Amino acid sequence: MNMPVLPDSNVLNGLLGVAERVMELAGQLLTTPVPPGLVPSPAEMPEPADPGWYRDRDGDIWQKTESGWRLFLQRGVAADSTSTWDWADGHVRDYGPFVPMPAAR
């Protein structure tokens, strides 16, 4: 009968150290202010060309359609996805930058 191989405690301790360092660096990244001029103003951000699903800078989920932008999730809570918003006049661009999301299957 084959006995299961137990993980080496040195390897586990090393991996735990790496994970702790990654979390420390991520925390620093999230609290470091973005230098002025590095992020374009909302007026300078172009509207994404393709229809589809996008995540804004706050992590909210939007869908770009032929008729405008629809907000689906805001702070993880379902939003009024029947209303459409305009890029400039509806101030959607103020929540940019927008990152395309893979299509749901």
N, C-alpha and C. Protein backbone atom coordinates (compact mmCIF):
# COMPACT_ATOMS: atom_id res chain seq x y z
N MET A 1 0.85 -1.17 0.00
CA MET A 1 0.00 0.00 0.00
C MET A 1 0.89 1.24 0.00
N ASN A 2 0.58 2.18 -0.87
CA ASN A 2 1.37 3.41 -0.95
C ASN A 2 0.94 4.38 0.15
N MET A 3 1.91 4.91 0.83
CA MET A 3 1.65 5.90 1.88
C MET A 3 1.66 7.29 1.23
N PRO A 4 0.75 8.16 1.64
CA PRO A 4 0.76 9.51 1.07
C PRO A 4 2.05 10.25 1.46
N VAL A 5 2.51 11.06 0.54
CA VAL A 5 3.71 11.84 0.80
C VAL A 5 3.31 13.10 1.55
N LEU A 6 3.92 13.31 2.70
CA LEU A 6 3.62 14.49 3.49
C LEU A 6 4.45 15.67 2.99
N PRO A 7 3.86 16.85 2.97
CA PRO A 7 4.62 18.01 2.50
C PRO A 7 5.74 18.35 3.47
N ASP A 8 6.81 18.85 2.93
CA ASP A 8 7.97 19.26 3.72
C ASP A 8 7.63 20.57 4.42
N SER A 9 7.82 20.63 5.73
CA SER A 9 7.47 21.84 6.48
C SER A 9 8.30 23.04 6.04
N ASN A 10 9.52 22.83 5.58
CA ASN A 10 10.34 23.94 5.10
C ASN A 10 9.73 24.56 3.84
N VAL A 11 9.21 23.71 2.96
CA VAL A 11 8.57 24.20 1.74
C VAL A 11 7.31 24.99 2.09
N LEU A 12 6.51 24.44 2.99
CA LEU A 12 5.28 25.13 3.40
C LEU A 12 5.58 26.47 4.06
N ASN A 13 6.60 26.50 4.92
CA ASN A 13 6.98 27.76 5.57
C ASN A 13 7.46 28.78 4.54
N GLY A 14 8.21 28.32 3.54
CA GLY A 14 8.67 29.21 2.48
C GLY A 14 7.52 29.79 1.68
N LEU A 15 6.55 28.94 1.33
CA LEU A 15 5.38 29.41 0.58
C LEU A 15 4.55 30.39 1.40
N LEU A 16 4.42 30.12 2.69
CA LEU A 16 3.69 31.03 3.57
C LEU A 16 4.39 32.39 3.63
N GLY A 17 5.70 32.39 3.68
CA GLY A 17 6.46 33.64 3.69
C GLY A 17 6.25 34.43 2.41
N VAL A 18 6.24 33.74 1.28
CA VAL A 18 6.01 34.41 0.00
C VAL A 18 4.59 35.00 -0.03
N ALA A 19 3.61 34.24 0.42
CA ALA A 19 2.22 34.72 0.43
C ALA A 19 2.08 35.95 1.32
N GLU A 20 2.73 35.94 2.48
CA GLU A 20 2.65 37.09 3.38
C GLU A 20 3.28 38.33 2.73
N ARG A 21 4.38 38.14 2.03
CA ARG A 21 5.06 39.27 1.37
C ARG A 21 4.20 39.83 0.24
N VAL A 22 3.55 38.95 -0.52
CA VAL A 22 2.65 39.39 -1.60
C VAL A 22 1.51 40.22 -1.02
N MET A 23 0.93 39.78 0.08
CA MET A 23 -0.16 40.53 0.70
C MET A 23 0.32 41.89 1.22
N GLU A 24 1.53 41.91 1.78
CA GLU A 24 2.11 43.17 2.26
C GLU A 24 2.30 44.16 1.10
N LEU A 25 2.85 43.68 -0.01
CA LEU A 25 3.06 44.54 -1.17
C LEU A 25 1.74 45.01 -1.77
N ALA A 26 0.74 44.12 -1.81
CA ALA A 26 -0.57 44.51 -2.33
C ALA A 26 -1.18 45.61 -1.46
N GLY A 27 -1.03 45.50 -0.16
CA GLY A 27 -1.53 46.53 0.75
C GLY A 27 -0.86 47.87 0.50
N GLN A 28 0.45 47.84 0.27
CA GLN A 28 1.18 49.08 -0.03
C GLN A 28 0.70 49.68 -1.35
N LEU A 29 0.47 48.83 -2.33
CA LEU A 29 0.01 49.31 -3.63
C LEU A 29 -1.35 50.00 -3.52
N LEU A 30 -2.23 49.42 -2.73
CA LEU A 30 -3.58 49.97 -2.60
C LEU A 30 -3.62 51.28 -1.84
N THR A 31 -2.64 51.52 -0.98
CA THR A 31 -2.65 52.74 -0.17
C THR A 31 -1.73 53.83 -0.72
N THR A 32 -0.98 53.52 -1.77
CA THR A 32 -0.08 54.51 -2.37
C THR A 32 -0.86 55.40 -3.31
N PRO A 33 -0.81 56.73 -3.10
CA PRO A 33 -1.55 57.62 -4.01
C PRO A 33 -0.96 57.60 -5.41
N VAL A 34 -1.83 57.77 -6.38
CA VAL A 34 -1.39 57.82 -7.78
C VAL A 34 -0.84 59.22 -8.03
N PRO A 35 0.36 59.32 -8.60
CA PRO A 35 0.93 60.65 -8.87
C PRO A 35 0.04 61.46 -9.81
N PRO A 36 -0.06 62.78 -9.56
CA PRO A 36 -0.87 63.62 -10.44
C PRO A 36 -0.38 63.54 -11.88
N GLY A 37 -1.32 63.55 -12.80
CA GLY A 37 -0.97 63.51 -14.22
C GLY A 37 -0.80 62.11 -14.77
N LEU A 38 -0.71 61.11 -13.89
CA LEU A 38 -0.54 59.74 -14.37
C LEU A 38 -1.85 59.16 -14.88
N VAL A 39 -2.95 59.50 -14.23
CA VAL A 39 -4.27 59.03 -14.65
C VAL A 39 -4.95 60.17 -15.40
N PRO A 40 -5.43 59.90 -16.61
CA PRO A 40 -6.08 60.98 -17.37
C PRO A 40 -7.38 61.41 -16.70
N SER A 41 -7.76 62.65 -16.92
CA SER A 41 -9.03 63.14 -16.38
C SER A 41 -10.16 62.43 -17.12
N PRO A 42 -11.36 62.38 -16.52
CA PRO A 42 -12.48 61.72 -17.19
C PRO A 42 -12.74 62.26 -18.60
N ALA A 43 -12.55 63.55 -18.81
CA ALA A 43 -12.80 64.13 -20.13
C ALA A 43 -11.82 63.62 -21.17
N GLU A 44 -10.62 63.18 -20.73
CA GLU A 44 -9.60 62.69 -21.66
C GLU A 44 -9.74 61.20 -21.97
N MET A 45 -10.55 60.48 -21.19
CA MET A 45 -10.68 59.04 -21.39
C MET A 45 -11.61 58.74 -22.55
N PRO A 46 -11.13 57.99 -23.52
CA PRO A 46 -12.01 57.63 -24.64
C PRO A 46 -13.01 56.55 -24.22
N GLU A 47 -14.16 56.59 -24.83
CA GLU A 47 -15.16 55.55 -24.57
C GLU A 47 -14.70 54.26 -25.24
N PRO A 48 -14.78 53.12 -24.53
CA PRO A 48 -14.44 51.86 -25.19
C PRO A 48 -15.29 51.68 -26.45
N ALA A 49 -14.66 51.21 -27.50
CA ALA A 49 -15.34 51.11 -28.80
C ALA A 49 -16.32 49.96 -28.89
N ASP A 50 -16.00 48.84 -28.28
CA ASP A 50 -16.79 47.63 -28.47
C ASP A 50 -17.87 47.45 -27.41
N PRO A 51 -19.06 46.97 -27.83
CA PRO A 51 -20.07 46.59 -26.84
C PRO A 51 -19.54 45.41 -26.03
N GLY A 52 -20.03 45.27 -24.83
CA GLY A 52 -19.61 44.15 -23.99
C GLY A 52 -19.65 44.51 -22.52
N TRP A 53 -19.02 43.66 -21.73
CA TRP A 53 -19.00 43.81 -20.28
C TRP A 53 -17.70 44.47 -19.85
N TYR A 54 -17.82 45.40 -18.89
CA TYR A 54 -16.66 46.16 -18.42
C TYR A 54 -16.71 46.31 -16.90
N ARG A 55 -15.53 46.40 -16.31
CA ARG A 55 -15.39 46.69 -14.88
C ARG A 55 -14.82 48.10 -14.76
N ASP A 56 -15.43 48.93 -13.89
CA ASP A 56 -14.91 50.30 -13.71
C ASP A 56 -13.86 50.33 -12.61
N ARG A 57 -13.36 51.51 -12.30
CA ARG A 57 -12.26 51.64 -11.33
C ARG A 57 -12.67 51.21 -9.93
N ASP A 58 -13.97 51.22 -9.63
CA ASP A 58 -14.45 50.79 -8.31
C ASP A 58 -14.77 49.30 -8.26
N GLY A 59 -14.66 48.62 -9.40
CA GLY A 59 -15.00 47.20 -9.45
C GLY A 59 -16.45 46.95 -9.82
N ASP A 60 -17.21 48.01 -10.11
CA ASP A 60 -18.61 47.84 -10.51
C ASP A 60 -18.67 47.29 -11.94
N ILE A 61 -19.73 46.55 -12.24
CA ILE A 61 -19.87 45.87 -13.53
C ILE A 61 -20.90 46.61 -14.40
N TRP A 62 -20.46 46.96 -15.61
CA TRP A 62 -21.28 47.66 -16.60
C TRP A 62 -21.36 46.85 -17.88
N GLN A 63 -22.44 47.07 -18.64
CA GLN A 63 -22.55 46.50 -19.97
C GLN A 63 -22.74 47.64 -20.96
N LYS A 64 -21.88 47.69 -21.97
CA LYS A 64 -22.04 48.68 -23.04
C LYS A 64 -22.90 48.04 -24.12
N THR A 65 -23.99 48.73 -24.48
CA THR A 65 -24.89 48.24 -25.52
C THR A 65 -25.00 49.30 -26.61
N GLU A 66 -25.74 48.98 -27.65
CA GLU A 66 -25.96 49.94 -28.73
C GLU A 66 -26.70 51.18 -28.23
N SER A 67 -27.53 51.03 -27.19
CA SER A 67 -28.33 52.16 -26.70
C SER A 67 -27.70 52.90 -25.53
N GLY A 68 -26.56 52.45 -25.03
CA GLY A 68 -25.90 53.13 -23.92
C GLY A 68 -25.29 52.15 -22.94
N TRP A 69 -24.98 52.65 -21.76
CA TRP A 69 -24.34 51.85 -20.71
C TRP A 69 -25.37 51.46 -19.66
N ARG A 70 -25.30 50.20 -19.21
CA ARG A 70 -26.20 49.71 -18.16
C ARG A 70 -25.35 49.24 -16.99
N LEU A 71 -25.69 49.71 -15.79
CA LEU A 71 -24.98 49.31 -14.58
C LEU A 71 -25.65 48.06 -14.01
N PHE A 72 -24.87 46.98 -13.84
CA PHE A 72 -25.43 45.73 -13.34
C PHE A 72 -25.12 45.49 -11.87
N LEU A 73 -23.87 45.66 -11.48
CA LEU A 73 -23.47 45.44 -10.09
C LEU A 73 -22.75 46.67 -9.57
N GLN A 74 -23.20 47.16 -8.42
CA GLN A 74 -22.53 48.29 -7.78
C GLN A 74 -22.22 47.89 -6.35
N ARG A 75 -20.92 47.85 -6.03
CA ARG A 75 -20.44 47.39 -4.72
C ARG A 75 -20.94 45.98 -4.42
N GLY A 76 -21.03 45.16 -5.46
CA GLY A 76 -21.43 43.77 -5.30
C GLY A 76 -22.93 43.54 -5.18
N VAL A 77 -23.72 44.60 -5.31
CA VAL A 77 -25.18 44.49 -5.19
C VAL A 77 -25.81 44.77 -6.55
N ALA A 78 -26.85 44.01 -6.88
CA ALA A 78 -27.54 44.21 -8.16
C ALA A 78 -28.07 45.64 -8.25
N ALA A 79 -27.88 46.25 -9.42
CA ALA A 79 -28.32 47.63 -9.66
C ALA A 79 -29.48 47.62 -10.65
N ASP A 80 -30.02 48.80 -10.93
CA ASP A 80 -31.10 48.96 -11.91
C ASP A 80 -30.51 48.80 -13.30
N SER A 81 -30.54 47.59 -13.81
CA SER A 81 -29.91 47.30 -15.10
C SER A 81 -30.81 47.63 -16.29
N THR A 82 -31.99 48.17 -16.03
CA THR A 82 -32.88 48.53 -17.15
C THR A 82 -32.61 49.94 -17.65
N SER A 83 -32.05 50.79 -16.80
CA SER A 83 -31.74 52.17 -17.20
C SER A 83 -30.46 52.20 -18.01
N THR A 84 -30.41 53.10 -18.99
CA THR A 84 -29.17 53.27 -19.75
C THR A 84 -28.60 54.65 -19.47
N TRP A 85 -27.27 54.72 -19.54
CA TRP A 85 -26.54 55.94 -19.24
C TRP A 85 -25.68 56.30 -20.43
N ASP A 86 -25.51 57.59 -20.64
CA ASP A 86 -24.68 58.07 -21.74
C ASP A 86 -23.24 58.24 -21.25
N TRP A 87 -22.27 58.04 -22.15
CA TRP A 87 -20.85 58.12 -21.79
C TRP A 87 -20.51 59.49 -21.19
N ALA A 88 -20.85 60.57 -21.88
CA ALA A 88 -20.48 61.91 -21.42
C ALA A 88 -21.60 62.55 -20.60
N ASP A 89 -22.80 62.67 -21.20
CA ASP A 89 -23.90 63.35 -20.52
C ASP A 89 -24.41 62.57 -19.31
N GLY A 90 -24.28 61.25 -19.34
CA GLY A 90 -24.70 60.42 -18.21
C GLY A 90 -23.58 60.21 -17.21
N HIS A 91 -22.42 60.76 -17.50
CA HIS A 91 -21.25 60.73 -16.60
C HIS A 91 -20.68 59.34 -16.37
N VAL A 92 -20.93 58.41 -17.27
CA VAL A 92 -20.33 57.08 -17.15
C VAL A 92 -18.81 57.20 -17.15
N ARG A 93 -18.28 58.07 -17.99
CA ARG A 93 -16.82 58.20 -18.11
C ARG A 93 -16.16 58.59 -16.80
N ASP A 94 -16.92 59.21 -15.88
CA ASP A 94 -16.36 59.61 -14.59
C ASP A 94 -15.92 58.41 -13.75
N TYR A 95 -16.41 57.22 -14.09
CA TYR A 95 -16.08 56.02 -13.33
C TYR A 95 -14.94 55.22 -13.95
N GLY A 96 -14.36 55.76 -15.03
CA GLY A 96 -13.27 55.07 -15.73
C GLY A 96 -11.98 55.11 -14.94
N PRO A 97 -11.02 54.38 -15.38
CA PRO A 97 -10.98 53.63 -16.63
C PRO A 97 -11.81 52.35 -16.56
N PHE A 98 -12.26 51.92 -17.74
CA PHE A 98 -13.06 50.71 -17.87
C PHE A 98 -12.19 49.60 -18.46
N VAL A 99 -12.28 48.43 -17.83
CA VAL A 99 -11.49 47.28 -18.27
C VAL A 99 -12.45 46.23 -18.82
N PRO A 100 -12.21 45.75 -20.05
CA PRO A 100 -13.11 44.73 -20.60
C PRO A 100 -13.04 43.45 -19.78
N MET A 101 -14.18 42.79 -19.68
CA MET A 101 -14.26 41.52 -18.95
C MET A 101 -14.51 40.40 -19.95
N PRO A 102 -14.01 39.21 -19.64
CA PRO A 102 -14.29 38.07 -20.53
C PRO A 102 -15.79 37.80 -20.58
N ALA A 103 -16.26 37.36 -21.71
CA ALA A 103 -17.69 37.06 -21.87
C ALA A 103 -18.08 35.89 -20.97
N ALA A 104 -19.24 36.01 -20.34
CA ALA A 104 -19.75 34.92 -19.51
C ALA A 104 -20.21 33.78 -20.41
N ARG A 105 -20.01 32.59 -19.94
CA ARG A 105 -20.43 31.42 -20.74
C ARG A 105 -21.50 30.65 -20.03
